[in-house]
Amino acid sequence: MTTKTKAVGLAPRRPPKPILNAFFLPRGILGYVGGFLMSRGVDQQGEIADLITAPGSDLCELGSGPGLLAAVLADRHPHLRLHLVDPSPVMRSQAARRCARFIDAGLVSVNDGTAESLPLAAGSCDTLVAVNSILMWPDLAAGLAEISRVLRPGGTLVLSWHSPAAPSSASRRLALTVYQIAEISAALTVTFSGVQRIDLVHSVAWVARRRG
């Protein structure tokens, strides 16, 4: 069985069910295992956090997983409000536990949602970050349009996925093809301005600005 994204062919094959349940839409015991494995990606999440030097007052993390990046950002930016969005109840539960002290302080919220339907008001965020989730969006163009809606004018989008040159062999197996990298870059330029591709140690990343 094959499935294709609308607008661009980022995810040409549906992953095997164990991979789907552990990483793409984590559920059940495999989802908990997937969350544990994701939580080991401290170096990858740290290099993405390094790109976010001026996050503003409100940041949305789309596909926030077990909350690893959120905890790093909350520690680095004590007054930042973080809005975590993930369609997986397992991931939301793990993120809520990891970020409990920030939730208690009113600085982190954990929400159900997807790239095409973010549970946030228009123009409510200064920054949106999505790490290792873009291949799971069924419609790249719709996802980018929804992100643009949520960002304030001039707001920053940070996207990333596993690098083909990553130290981890598992990350290299998940890496984007040259074609997919080009497709993402082209789609970003349609909706956003100042698009930059940045090759990191563990990730290929893009930084872009909302127009207006």
N, C-alpha and C. Protein backbone atom coordinates (compact mmCIF):
# COMPACT_ATOMS: atom_id res chain seq x y z
N MET A 1 0.85 -1.20 0.00
CA MET A 1 0.00 0.00 0.00
C MET A 1 0.87 1.24 0.00
N THR A 2 0.53 2.21 -0.81
CA THR A 2 1.29 3.46 -0.83
C THR A 2 0.36 4.62 -0.58
N THR A 3 0.87 5.65 0.06
CA THR A 3 0.13 6.88 0.27
C THR A 3 1.02 8.03 -0.14
N LYS A 4 0.45 9.06 -0.70
CA LYS A 4 1.22 10.22 -1.13
C LYS A 4 0.68 11.47 -0.48
N THR A 5 1.58 12.36 -0.13
CA THR A 5 1.15 13.64 0.37
C THR A 5 0.55 14.44 -0.75
N LYS A 6 -0.36 15.31 -0.44
CA LYS A 6 -0.86 16.26 -1.42
C LYS A 6 0.22 17.29 -1.66
N ALA A 7 0.34 17.76 -2.83
CA ALA A 7 1.28 18.81 -3.24
C ALA A 7 2.69 18.29 -3.45
N VAL A 8 3.24 17.52 -2.54
CA VAL A 8 4.59 16.98 -2.74
C VAL A 8 4.65 15.56 -2.22
N GLY A 9 5.53 14.73 -2.82
CA GLY A 9 5.63 13.34 -2.46
C GLY A 9 6.67 13.10 -1.39
N LEU A 10 6.41 13.57 -0.19
CA LEU A 10 7.40 13.42 0.87
C LEU A 10 7.38 12.03 1.50
N ALA A 11 6.24 11.42 1.60
CA ALA A 11 6.16 10.13 2.28
C ALA A 11 5.54 9.09 1.35
N PRO A 12 6.31 8.55 0.40
CA PRO A 12 5.74 7.68 -0.62
C PRO A 12 5.26 6.34 -0.11
N ARG A 13 5.76 5.89 1.06
CA ARG A 13 5.35 4.58 1.56
C ARG A 13 4.87 4.68 3.00
N ARG A 14 3.77 4.00 3.28
CA ARG A 14 3.29 3.89 4.65
C ARG A 14 4.25 3.00 5.41
N PRO A 15 4.72 3.43 6.59
CA PRO A 15 5.69 2.61 7.32
C PRO A 15 5.05 1.34 7.85
N PRO A 16 5.86 0.30 8.14
CA PRO A 16 5.31 -0.91 8.77
C PRO A 16 4.60 -0.56 10.07
N LYS A 17 3.60 -1.37 10.43
CA LYS A 17 2.77 -1.05 11.59
C LYS A 17 3.57 -0.81 12.87
N PRO A 18 4.61 -1.62 13.20
CA PRO A 18 5.36 -1.33 14.43
C PRO A 18 6.02 0.05 14.42
N ILE A 19 6.55 0.47 13.26
CA ILE A 19 7.16 1.80 13.15
C ILE A 19 6.09 2.87 13.24
N LEU A 20 4.95 2.62 12.60
CA LEU A 20 3.82 3.56 12.65
C LEU A 20 3.39 3.79 14.09
N ASN A 21 3.24 2.70 14.86
CA ASN A 21 2.74 2.79 16.23
C ASN A 21 3.77 3.32 17.21
N ALA A 22 5.07 3.18 16.87
CA ALA A 22 6.12 3.64 17.79
C ALA A 22 6.51 5.09 17.54
N PHE A 23 6.49 5.52 16.26
CA PHE A 23 7.07 6.82 15.94
C PHE A 23 6.16 7.75 15.14
N PHE A 24 5.37 7.24 14.20
CA PHE A 24 4.59 8.13 13.35
C PHE A 24 3.34 8.63 14.06
N LEU A 25 2.59 7.75 14.68
CA LEU A 25 1.48 8.16 15.55
C LEU A 25 1.54 7.23 16.76
N PRO A 26 2.43 7.54 17.70
CA PRO A 26 2.70 6.62 18.80
C PRO A 26 1.44 6.22 19.57
N ARG A 27 1.30 4.91 19.77
CA ARG A 27 0.14 4.40 20.50
C ARG A 27 0.53 3.08 21.18
N GLY A 28 -0.17 2.76 22.26
CA GLY A 28 0.06 1.50 22.95
C GLY A 28 1.47 1.38 23.50
N ILE A 29 1.86 0.14 23.76
CA ILE A 29 3.17 -0.10 24.35
C ILE A 29 4.29 0.33 23.41
N LEU A 30 4.10 0.15 22.10
CA LEU A 30 5.12 0.58 21.15
C LEU A 30 5.28 2.10 21.18
N GLY A 31 4.18 2.81 21.42
CA GLY A 31 4.27 4.26 21.54
C GLY A 31 5.11 4.68 22.73
N TYR A 32 4.95 3.99 23.84
CA TYR A 32 5.76 4.31 25.02
C TYR A 32 7.23 4.01 24.76
N VAL A 33 7.51 2.91 24.06
CA VAL A 33 8.90 2.59 23.71
C VAL A 33 9.46 3.65 22.76
N GLY A 34 8.64 4.04 21.77
CA GLY A 34 9.08 5.08 20.84
C GLY A 34 9.39 6.38 21.56
N GLY A 35 8.55 6.75 22.52
CA GLY A 35 8.80 7.96 23.28
C GLY A 35 10.09 7.89 24.07
N PHE A 36 10.36 6.71 24.65
CA PHE A 36 11.62 6.52 25.38
C PHE A 36 12.82 6.71 24.45
N LEU A 37 12.74 6.12 23.25
CA LEU A 37 13.85 6.25 22.31
C LEU A 37 14.01 7.70 21.84
N MET A 38 12.89 8.38 21.60
CA MET A 38 12.97 9.79 21.21
C MET A 38 13.62 10.63 22.30
N SER A 39 13.39 10.27 23.54
CA SER A 39 13.92 11.03 24.67
C SER A 39 15.44 10.94 24.79
N ARG A 40 16.02 10.03 24.03
CA ARG A 40 17.48 9.90 24.04
C ARG A 40 18.15 10.84 23.05
N GLY A 41 17.37 11.59 22.28
CA GLY A 41 17.92 12.46 21.24
C GLY A 41 18.30 13.84 21.76
N VAL A 42 18.99 13.89 22.89
CA VAL A 42 19.32 15.18 23.51
C VAL A 42 20.20 16.03 22.59
N ASP A 43 21.19 15.42 21.95
CA ASP A 43 22.10 16.20 21.10
C ASP A 43 21.37 16.80 19.91
N GLN A 44 20.48 16.01 19.30
CA GLN A 44 19.73 16.52 18.16
C GLN A 44 18.81 17.66 18.57
N GLN A 45 18.10 17.49 19.67
CA GLN A 45 17.20 18.54 20.13
C GLN A 45 17.99 19.78 20.55
N GLY A 46 19.17 19.57 21.15
CA GLY A 46 19.98 20.70 21.58
C GLY A 46 20.43 21.57 20.44
N GLU A 47 20.80 20.95 19.30
CA GLU A 47 21.26 21.77 18.18
C GLU A 47 20.11 22.55 17.54
N ILE A 48 18.89 22.02 17.64
CA ILE A 48 17.73 22.78 17.18
C ILE A 48 17.46 23.93 18.15
N ALA A 49 17.55 23.66 19.44
CA ALA A 49 17.37 24.73 20.43
C ALA A 49 18.38 25.85 20.22
N ASP A 50 19.58 25.51 19.76
CA ASP A 50 20.60 26.53 19.52
C ASP A 50 20.21 27.49 18.40
N LEU A 51 19.35 27.04 17.49
CA LEU A 51 18.88 27.91 16.40
C LEU A 51 17.85 28.92 16.89
N ILE A 52 17.25 28.65 18.04
CA ILE A 52 16.14 29.47 18.54
C ILE A 52 16.68 30.39 19.63
N THR A 53 17.36 31.43 19.22
CA THR A 53 18.01 32.32 20.19
C THR A 53 17.08 33.42 20.68
N ALA A 54 16.10 33.79 19.87
CA ALA A 54 15.17 34.86 20.25
C ALA A 54 13.75 34.40 19.95
N PRO A 55 13.18 33.53 20.79
CA PRO A 55 11.89 32.91 20.48
C PRO A 55 10.68 33.81 20.66
N GLY A 56 10.87 35.01 21.22
CA GLY A 56 9.73 35.88 21.51
C GLY A 56 9.02 35.44 22.77
N SER A 57 7.72 35.72 22.84
CA SER A 57 6.96 35.40 24.06
C SER A 57 6.21 34.08 23.97
N ASP A 58 5.84 33.66 22.74
CA ASP A 58 5.04 32.46 22.56
C ASP A 58 5.64 31.59 21.48
N LEU A 59 5.86 30.31 21.79
CA LEU A 59 6.41 29.36 20.84
C LEU A 59 5.51 28.14 20.78
N CYS A 60 5.21 27.70 19.58
CA CYS A 60 4.47 26.46 19.36
C CYS A 60 5.44 25.39 18.87
N GLU A 61 5.40 24.22 19.51
CA GLU A 61 6.13 23.08 18.98
C GLU A 61 5.13 22.09 18.41
N LEU A 62 5.19 21.90 17.11
CA LEU A 62 4.30 20.99 16.39
C LEU A 62 4.95 19.61 16.33
N GLY A 63 4.24 18.59 16.79
CA GLY A 63 4.82 17.27 16.88
C GLY A 63 5.82 17.23 18.03
N SER A 64 5.38 17.63 19.19
CA SER A 64 6.29 17.85 20.33
C SER A 64 6.77 16.55 20.97
N GLY A 65 6.17 15.41 20.59
CA GLY A 65 6.65 14.13 21.10
C GLY A 65 6.69 14.10 22.62
N PRO A 66 7.73 13.50 23.21
CA PRO A 66 7.78 13.36 24.66
C PRO A 66 8.23 14.61 25.40
N GLY A 67 8.33 15.74 24.71
CA GLY A 67 8.58 17.02 25.39
C GLY A 67 10.04 17.33 25.66
N LEU A 68 10.96 16.64 24.98
CA LEU A 68 12.38 16.84 25.23
C LEU A 68 12.83 18.24 24.84
N LEU A 69 12.53 18.67 23.62
CA LEU A 69 12.91 20.01 23.18
C LEU A 69 12.23 21.07 24.02
N ALA A 70 10.96 20.86 24.35
CA ALA A 70 10.23 21.83 25.16
C ALA A 70 10.91 22.07 26.50
N ALA A 71 11.38 20.99 27.13
CA ALA A 71 12.05 21.14 28.43
C ALA A 71 13.35 21.91 28.28
N VAL A 72 14.08 21.66 27.18
CA VAL A 72 15.32 22.40 26.93
C VAL A 72 15.03 23.88 26.75
N LEU A 73 14.03 24.20 25.92
CA LEU A 73 13.69 25.60 25.66
C LEU A 73 13.16 26.29 26.91
N ALA A 74 12.35 25.58 27.70
CA ALA A 74 11.81 26.18 28.93
C ALA A 74 12.93 26.52 29.91
N ASP A 75 13.94 25.67 29.97
CA ASP A 75 15.09 25.95 30.85
C ASP A 75 15.89 27.15 30.34
N ARG A 76 16.05 27.25 29.02
CA ARG A 76 16.88 28.31 28.46
C ARG A 76 16.18 29.67 28.44
N HIS A 77 14.84 29.65 28.32
CA HIS A 77 14.08 30.90 28.17
C HIS A 77 12.98 30.91 29.25
N PRO A 78 13.30 31.35 30.46
CA PRO A 78 12.41 31.18 31.62
C PRO A 78 11.04 31.82 31.48
N HIS A 79 10.89 32.84 30.63
CA HIS A 79 9.59 33.52 30.54
C HIS A 79 8.83 33.14 29.27
N LEU A 80 9.36 32.21 28.51
CA LEU A 80 8.73 31.79 27.26
C LEU A 80 7.50 30.92 27.54
N ARG A 81 6.40 31.24 26.85
CA ARG A 81 5.20 30.39 26.90
C ARG A 81 5.28 29.39 25.74
N LEU A 82 5.20 28.10 26.07
CA LEU A 82 5.30 27.05 25.06
C LEU A 82 3.97 26.34 24.90
N HIS A 83 3.55 26.22 23.65
CA HIS A 83 2.29 25.56 23.31
C HIS A 83 2.66 24.28 22.55
N LEU A 84 2.58 23.15 23.23
CA LEU A 84 2.97 21.87 22.62
C LEU A 84 1.76 21.24 21.96
N VAL A 85 1.96 20.78 20.71
CA VAL A 85 0.87 20.20 19.93
C VAL A 85 1.31 18.84 19.41
N ASP A 86 0.52 17.81 19.68
CA ASP A 86 0.82 16.46 19.18
C ASP A 86 -0.47 15.67 19.09
N PRO A 87 -0.68 14.92 18.01
CA PRO A 87 -1.92 14.14 17.89
C PRO A 87 -1.92 12.86 18.71
N SER A 88 -0.79 12.47 19.29
CA SER A 88 -0.70 11.20 20.01
C SER A 88 -0.94 11.39 21.51
N PRO A 89 -1.96 10.73 22.08
CA PRO A 89 -2.17 10.81 23.53
C PRO A 89 -0.96 10.31 24.32
N VAL A 90 -0.26 9.31 23.80
CA VAL A 90 0.92 8.79 24.49
C VAL A 90 1.99 9.87 24.58
N MET A 91 2.23 10.58 23.48
CA MET A 91 3.25 11.63 23.49
C MET A 91 2.83 12.79 24.37
N ARG A 92 1.55 13.14 24.34
CA ARG A 92 1.09 14.24 25.19
C ARG A 92 1.26 13.89 26.66
N SER A 93 1.00 12.64 27.00
CA SER A 93 1.16 12.20 28.39
C SER A 93 2.62 12.27 28.82
N GLN A 94 3.53 11.81 27.96
CA GLN A 94 4.95 11.85 28.29
C GLN A 94 5.45 13.30 28.38
N ALA A 95 5.00 14.15 27.45
CA ALA A 95 5.42 15.56 27.49
C ALA A 95 4.91 16.24 28.75
N ALA A 96 3.68 15.92 29.15
CA ALA A 96 3.12 16.53 30.37
C ALA A 96 3.93 16.14 31.60
N ARG A 97 4.38 14.90 31.65
CA ARG A 97 5.19 14.48 32.79
C ARG A 97 6.56 15.17 32.77
N ARG A 98 7.18 15.21 31.60
CA ARG A 98 8.52 15.81 31.51
C ARG A 98 8.48 17.32 31.81
N CYS A 99 7.41 17.96 31.45
CA CYS A 99 7.32 19.42 31.60
C CYS A 99 6.42 19.83 32.75
N ALA A 100 6.20 18.93 33.71
CA ALA A 100 5.21 19.18 34.77
C ALA A 100 5.48 20.47 35.53
N ARG A 101 6.74 20.75 35.85
CA ARG A 101 7.01 21.95 36.65
C ARG A 101 6.75 23.22 35.85
N PHE A 102 6.93 23.15 34.53
CA PHE A 102 6.65 24.32 33.69
C PHE A 102 5.15 24.48 33.47
N ILE A 103 4.44 23.36 33.41
CA ILE A 103 2.98 23.41 33.33
C ILE A 103 2.41 24.03 34.60
N ASP A 104 2.93 23.60 35.74
CA ASP A 104 2.46 24.14 37.02
C ASP A 104 2.71 25.65 37.11
N ALA A 105 3.77 26.11 36.45
CA ALA A 105 4.10 27.54 36.46
C ALA A 105 3.33 28.32 35.41
N GLY A 106 2.49 27.63 34.64
CA GLY A 106 1.68 28.30 33.62
C GLY A 106 2.45 28.66 32.37
N LEU A 107 3.60 28.01 32.14
CA LEU A 107 4.44 28.35 31.00
C LEU A 107 4.35 27.35 29.86
N VAL A 108 3.80 26.17 30.11
CA VAL A 108 3.68 25.14 29.08
C VAL A 108 2.26 24.60 29.07
N SER A 109 1.69 24.47 27.86
CA SER A 109 0.42 23.77 27.69
C SER A 109 0.63 22.65 26.68
N VAL A 110 -0.12 21.57 26.84
CA VAL A 110 0.00 20.41 25.97
C VAL A 110 -1.34 20.18 25.31
N ASN A 111 -1.36 20.17 23.97
CA ASN A 111 -2.61 20.21 23.22
C ASN A 111 -2.66 19.14 22.13
N ASP A 112 -3.87 18.69 21.85
CA ASP A 112 -4.12 17.80 20.71
C ASP A 112 -4.21 18.64 19.45
N GLY A 113 -3.60 18.17 18.36
CA GLY A 113 -3.68 18.90 17.11
C GLY A 113 -2.76 18.32 16.06
N THR A 114 -2.89 18.83 14.84
CA THR A 114 -2.08 18.37 13.72
C THR A 114 -1.55 19.57 12.95
N ALA A 115 -0.69 19.31 11.98
CA ALA A 115 -0.15 20.40 11.16
C ALA A 115 -1.25 21.14 10.42
N GLU A 116 -2.29 20.42 10.02
CA GLU A 116 -3.37 21.06 9.24
C GLU A 116 -4.41 21.72 10.12
N SER A 117 -4.36 21.46 11.44
CA SER A 117 -5.37 22.01 12.35
C SER A 117 -4.74 22.27 13.71
N LEU A 118 -4.10 23.43 13.82
CA LEU A 118 -3.44 23.80 15.07
C LEU A 118 -4.46 24.47 16.00
N PRO A 119 -4.48 24.09 17.28
CA PRO A 119 -5.47 24.62 18.22
C PRO A 119 -5.04 25.96 18.81
N LEU A 120 -4.62 26.87 17.93
CA LEU A 120 -4.12 28.16 18.36
C LEU A 120 -4.73 29.26 17.51
N ALA A 121 -4.88 30.44 18.11
CA ALA A 121 -5.48 31.57 17.40
C ALA A 121 -4.52 32.12 16.33
N ALA A 122 -5.08 32.77 15.35
CA ALA A 122 -4.27 33.40 14.31
C ALA A 122 -3.34 34.44 14.93
N GLY A 123 -2.10 34.45 14.47
CA GLY A 123 -1.13 35.43 14.94
C GLY A 123 -0.80 35.34 16.41
N SER A 124 -0.84 34.12 16.97
CA SER A 124 -0.64 33.97 18.41
C SER A 124 0.77 33.59 18.82
N CYS A 125 1.63 33.25 17.86
CA CYS A 125 2.97 32.77 18.20
C CYS A 125 4.07 33.54 17.47
N ASP A 126 5.17 33.73 18.15
CA ASP A 126 6.34 34.36 17.54
C ASP A 126 7.21 33.34 16.81
N THR A 127 7.19 32.10 17.28
CA THR A 127 8.04 31.04 16.73
C THR A 127 7.25 29.75 16.67
N LEU A 128 7.46 28.98 15.62
CA LEU A 128 6.94 27.61 15.55
C LEU A 128 8.07 26.70 15.13
N VAL A 129 8.22 25.59 15.84
CA VAL A 129 9.27 24.63 15.54
C VAL A 129 8.66 23.26 15.37
N ALA A 130 9.17 22.52 14.38
CA ALA A 130 8.71 21.15 14.13
C ALA A 130 9.93 20.29 13.84
N VAL A 131 10.24 19.37 14.74
CA VAL A 131 11.41 18.50 14.63
C VAL A 131 10.95 17.08 14.30
N ASN A 132 11.47 16.54 13.21
CA ASN A 132 11.21 15.15 12.83
C ASN A 132 9.72 14.82 12.71
N SER A 133 8.94 15.77 12.19
CA SER A 133 7.52 15.47 12.01
C SER A 133 7.01 15.72 10.60
N ILE A 134 7.78 16.41 9.77
CA ILE A 134 7.25 16.88 8.50
C ILE A 134 6.83 15.75 7.58
N LEU A 135 7.49 14.59 7.64
CA LEU A 135 7.10 13.47 6.79
C LEU A 135 5.77 12.86 7.21
N MET A 136 5.28 13.22 8.38
CA MET A 136 4.02 12.68 8.87
C MET A 136 2.83 13.57 8.51
N TRP A 137 3.11 14.75 7.93
CA TRP A 137 2.01 15.62 7.51
C TRP A 137 1.41 15.07 6.22
N PRO A 138 0.10 14.89 6.16
CA PRO A 138 -0.49 14.39 4.92
C PRO A 138 -0.51 15.42 3.79
N ASP A 139 -0.39 16.69 4.12
CA ASP A 139 -0.46 17.75 3.10
C ASP A 139 0.51 18.85 3.50
N LEU A 140 1.66 18.89 2.86
CA LEU A 140 2.70 19.86 3.22
C LEU A 140 2.23 21.29 3.02
N ALA A 141 1.62 21.57 1.88
CA ALA A 141 1.18 22.94 1.60
C ALA A 141 0.15 23.41 2.63
N ALA A 142 -0.80 22.53 2.99
CA ALA A 142 -1.81 22.90 3.98
C ALA A 142 -1.17 23.12 5.35
N GLY A 143 -0.20 22.30 5.69
CA GLY A 143 0.50 22.46 6.96
C GLY A 143 1.24 23.78 7.04
N LEU A 144 1.93 24.15 5.97
CA LEU A 144 2.67 25.41 5.97
C LEU A 144 1.72 26.60 6.00
N ALA A 145 0.57 26.49 5.32
CA ALA A 145 -0.41 27.56 5.38
C ALA A 145 -0.97 27.74 6.78
N GLU A 146 -1.21 26.63 7.48
CA GLU A 146 -1.73 26.70 8.85
C GLU A 146 -0.68 27.28 9.79
N ILE A 147 0.58 26.91 9.60
CA ILE A 147 1.66 27.49 10.40
C ILE A 147 1.74 28.99 10.17
N SER A 148 1.63 29.42 8.92
CA SER A 148 1.65 30.85 8.62
C SER A 148 0.51 31.58 9.32
N ARG A 149 -0.65 30.93 9.39
CA ARG A 149 -1.80 31.54 10.07
C ARG A 149 -1.50 31.79 11.55
N VAL A 150 -0.87 30.83 12.19
CA VAL A 150 -0.63 30.90 13.63
C VAL A 150 0.50 31.87 13.98
N LEU A 151 1.49 32.00 13.09
CA LEU A 151 2.61 32.89 13.37
C LEU A 151 2.22 34.36 13.23
N ARG A 152 2.84 35.19 14.05
CA ARG A 152 2.70 36.62 13.91
C ARG A 152 3.50 37.10 12.70
N PRO A 153 3.16 38.24 12.09
CA PRO A 153 3.96 38.76 10.98
C PRO A 153 5.43 38.87 11.37
N GLY A 154 6.30 38.33 10.53
CA GLY A 154 7.72 38.32 10.84
C GLY A 154 8.14 37.19 11.75
N GLY A 155 7.18 36.35 12.17
CA GLY A 155 7.49 35.23 13.06
C GLY A 155 8.36 34.19 12.38
N THR A 156 9.00 33.36 13.18
CA THR A 156 10.01 32.42 12.71
C THR A 156 9.49 30.99 12.70
N LEU A 157 9.75 30.30 11.60
CA LEU A 157 9.49 28.87 11.48
C LEU A 157 10.82 28.13 11.46
N VAL A 158 10.95 27.08 12.27
CA VAL A 158 12.12 26.22 12.26
C VAL A 158 11.64 24.79 12.03
N LEU A 159 12.07 24.21 10.91
CA LEU A 159 11.75 22.82 10.58
C LEU A 159 13.02 22.01 10.57
N SER A 160 12.95 20.73 10.91
CA SER A 160 14.13 19.88 10.77
C SER A 160 13.74 18.43 10.61
N TRP A 161 14.68 17.67 10.06
CA TRP A 161 14.54 16.22 9.93
C TRP A 161 15.94 15.61 10.01
N HIS A 162 16.01 14.33 10.21
CA HIS A 162 17.28 13.63 10.34
C HIS A 162 18.20 13.88 9.15
N SER A 163 19.49 14.08 9.43
CA SER A 163 20.47 14.35 8.39
C SER A 163 21.01 13.06 7.78
N PRO A 164 21.26 13.07 6.46
CA PRO A 164 21.90 11.90 5.84
C PRO A 164 23.35 11.72 6.29
N ALA A 165 23.91 12.73 6.96
CA ALA A 165 25.29 12.65 7.45
C ALA A 165 25.35 12.54 8.97
N ALA A 166 24.23 12.21 9.61
CA ALA A 166 24.18 12.12 11.08
C ALA A 166 25.10 11.02 11.60
N PRO A 167 25.66 11.19 12.80
CA PRO A 167 26.49 10.13 13.39
C PRO A 167 25.72 8.82 13.61
N SER A 168 24.45 8.91 13.90
CA SER A 168 23.63 7.74 14.18
C SER A 168 23.21 7.04 12.89
N SER A 169 23.46 5.74 12.81
CA SER A 169 23.04 4.98 11.63
C SER A 169 21.52 4.94 11.51
N ALA A 170 20.81 4.93 12.64
CA ALA A 170 19.35 4.95 12.61
C ALA A 170 18.85 6.24 11.99
N SER A 171 19.46 7.38 12.35
CA SER A 171 19.07 8.66 11.76
C SER A 171 19.37 8.68 10.27
N ARG A 172 20.51 8.12 9.88
CA ARG A 172 20.86 8.12 8.45
C ARG A 172 19.86 7.29 7.65
N ARG A 173 19.36 6.22 8.23
CA ARG A 173 18.37 5.40 7.52
C ARG A 173 17.05 6.15 7.34
N LEU A 174 16.76 7.08 8.24
CA LEU A 174 15.53 7.85 8.16
C LEU A 174 15.67 9.13 7.34
N ALA A 175 16.88 9.42 6.88
CA ALA A 175 17.18 10.72 6.28
C ALA A 175 16.36 10.99 5.02
N LEU A 176 16.18 12.28 4.76
CA LEU A 176 15.52 12.72 3.54
C LEU A 176 16.40 12.47 2.33
N THR A 177 15.77 12.24 1.20
CA THR A 177 16.50 12.16 -0.05
C THR A 177 16.80 13.58 -0.55
N VAL A 178 17.70 13.67 -1.51
CA VAL A 178 17.98 14.97 -2.12
C VAL A 178 16.70 15.56 -2.72
N TYR A 179 15.90 14.71 -3.32
CA TYR A 179 14.63 15.17 -3.92
C TYR A 179 13.71 15.75 -2.84
N GLN A 180 13.57 15.05 -1.72
CA GLN A 180 12.69 15.52 -0.66
C GLN A 180 13.17 16.84 -0.07
N ILE A 181 14.49 16.98 0.11
CA ILE A 181 15.05 18.24 0.61
C ILE A 181 14.70 19.38 -0.34
N ALA A 182 14.83 19.15 -1.62
CA ALA A 182 14.50 20.18 -2.61
C ALA A 182 13.02 20.51 -2.59
N GLU A 183 12.17 19.49 -2.41
CA GLU A 183 10.73 19.72 -2.36
C GLU A 183 10.33 20.58 -1.17
N ILE A 184 10.92 20.30 -0.02
CA ILE A 184 10.61 21.11 1.17
C ILE A 184 11.07 22.54 0.98
N SER A 185 12.28 22.71 0.45
CA SER A 185 12.81 24.07 0.23
C SER A 185 11.91 24.85 -0.71
N ALA A 186 11.47 24.20 -1.79
CA ALA A 186 10.60 24.88 -2.75
C ALA A 186 9.25 25.23 -2.14
N ALA A 187 8.68 24.31 -1.37
CA ALA A 187 7.38 24.59 -0.74
C ALA A 187 7.47 25.74 0.25
N LEU A 188 8.56 25.82 0.98
CA LEU A 188 8.73 26.90 1.95
C LEU A 188 8.77 28.26 1.27
N THR A 189 9.43 28.34 0.13
CA THR A 189 9.56 29.65 -0.54
C THR A 189 8.22 30.15 -1.07
N VAL A 190 7.25 29.26 -1.24
CA VAL A 190 5.92 29.69 -1.70
C VAL A 190 5.20 30.49 -0.62
N THR A 191 5.35 30.07 0.63
CA THR A 191 4.58 30.65 1.73
C THR A 191 5.38 31.60 2.61
N PHE A 192 6.70 31.38 2.72
CA PHE A 192 7.53 32.12 3.66
C PHE A 192 8.63 32.88 2.94
N SER A 193 9.25 33.80 3.65
CA SER A 193 10.36 34.57 3.11
C SER A 193 11.64 34.24 3.86
N GLY A 194 12.77 34.64 3.28
CA GLY A 194 14.06 34.47 3.94
C GLY A 194 14.38 33.03 4.28
N VAL A 195 14.01 32.10 3.42
CA VAL A 195 14.20 30.67 3.71
C VAL A 195 15.69 30.33 3.68
N GLN A 196 16.17 29.73 4.75
CA GLN A 196 17.56 29.27 4.84
C GLN A 196 17.58 27.78 5.17
N ARG A 197 18.38 27.04 4.45
CA ARG A 197 18.62 25.64 4.80
C ARG A 197 19.94 25.57 5.56
N ILE A 198 19.93 24.86 6.68
CA ILE A 198 21.11 24.77 7.54
C ILE A 198 21.41 23.29 7.78
N ASP A 199 22.61 22.86 7.42
CA ASP A 199 23.02 21.48 7.64
C ASP A 199 23.72 21.37 8.99
N LEU A 200 23.06 20.71 9.93
CA LEU A 200 23.58 20.52 11.28
C LEU A 200 24.22 19.14 11.40
N VAL A 201 24.73 18.83 12.56
CA VAL A 201 25.37 17.52 12.76
C VAL A 201 24.34 16.40 12.65
N HIS A 202 23.21 16.57 13.32
CA HIS A 202 22.20 15.52 13.39
C HIS A 202 21.01 15.75 12.47
N SER A 203 20.85 16.95 11.97
CA SER A 203 19.63 17.32 11.25
C SER A 203 19.91 18.18 10.03
N VAL A 204 18.98 18.13 9.09
CA VAL A 204 18.84 19.16 8.07
C VAL A 204 17.74 20.08 8.57
N ALA A 205 18.02 21.37 8.65
CA ALA A 205 17.04 22.31 9.20
C ALA A 205 16.77 23.44 8.22
N TRP A 206 15.60 24.03 8.38
CA TRP A 206 15.23 25.21 7.61
C TRP A 206 14.72 26.27 8.59
N VAL A 207 15.10 27.50 8.36
CA VAL A 207 14.60 28.64 9.12
C VAL A 207 13.97 29.60 8.12
N ALA A 208 12.75 30.05 8.40
CA ALA A 208 12.04 30.93 7.47
C ALA A 208 11.21 31.93 8.28
N ARG A 209 10.75 32.97 7.59
CA ARG A 209 9.96 34.03 8.24
C ARG A 209 8.57 34.12 7.62
N ARG A 210 7.60 34.40 8.48
CA ARG A 210 6.25 34.64 7.97
C ARG A 210 6.21 36.00 7.29
N ARG A 211 5.60 36.05 6.13
CA ARG A 211 5.49 37.32 5.43
C ARG A 211 4.49 38.24 6.11
N GLY A 212 4.63 39.52 5.84
CA GLY A 212 3.66 40.49 6.35
C GLY A 212 4.15 41.27 7.54
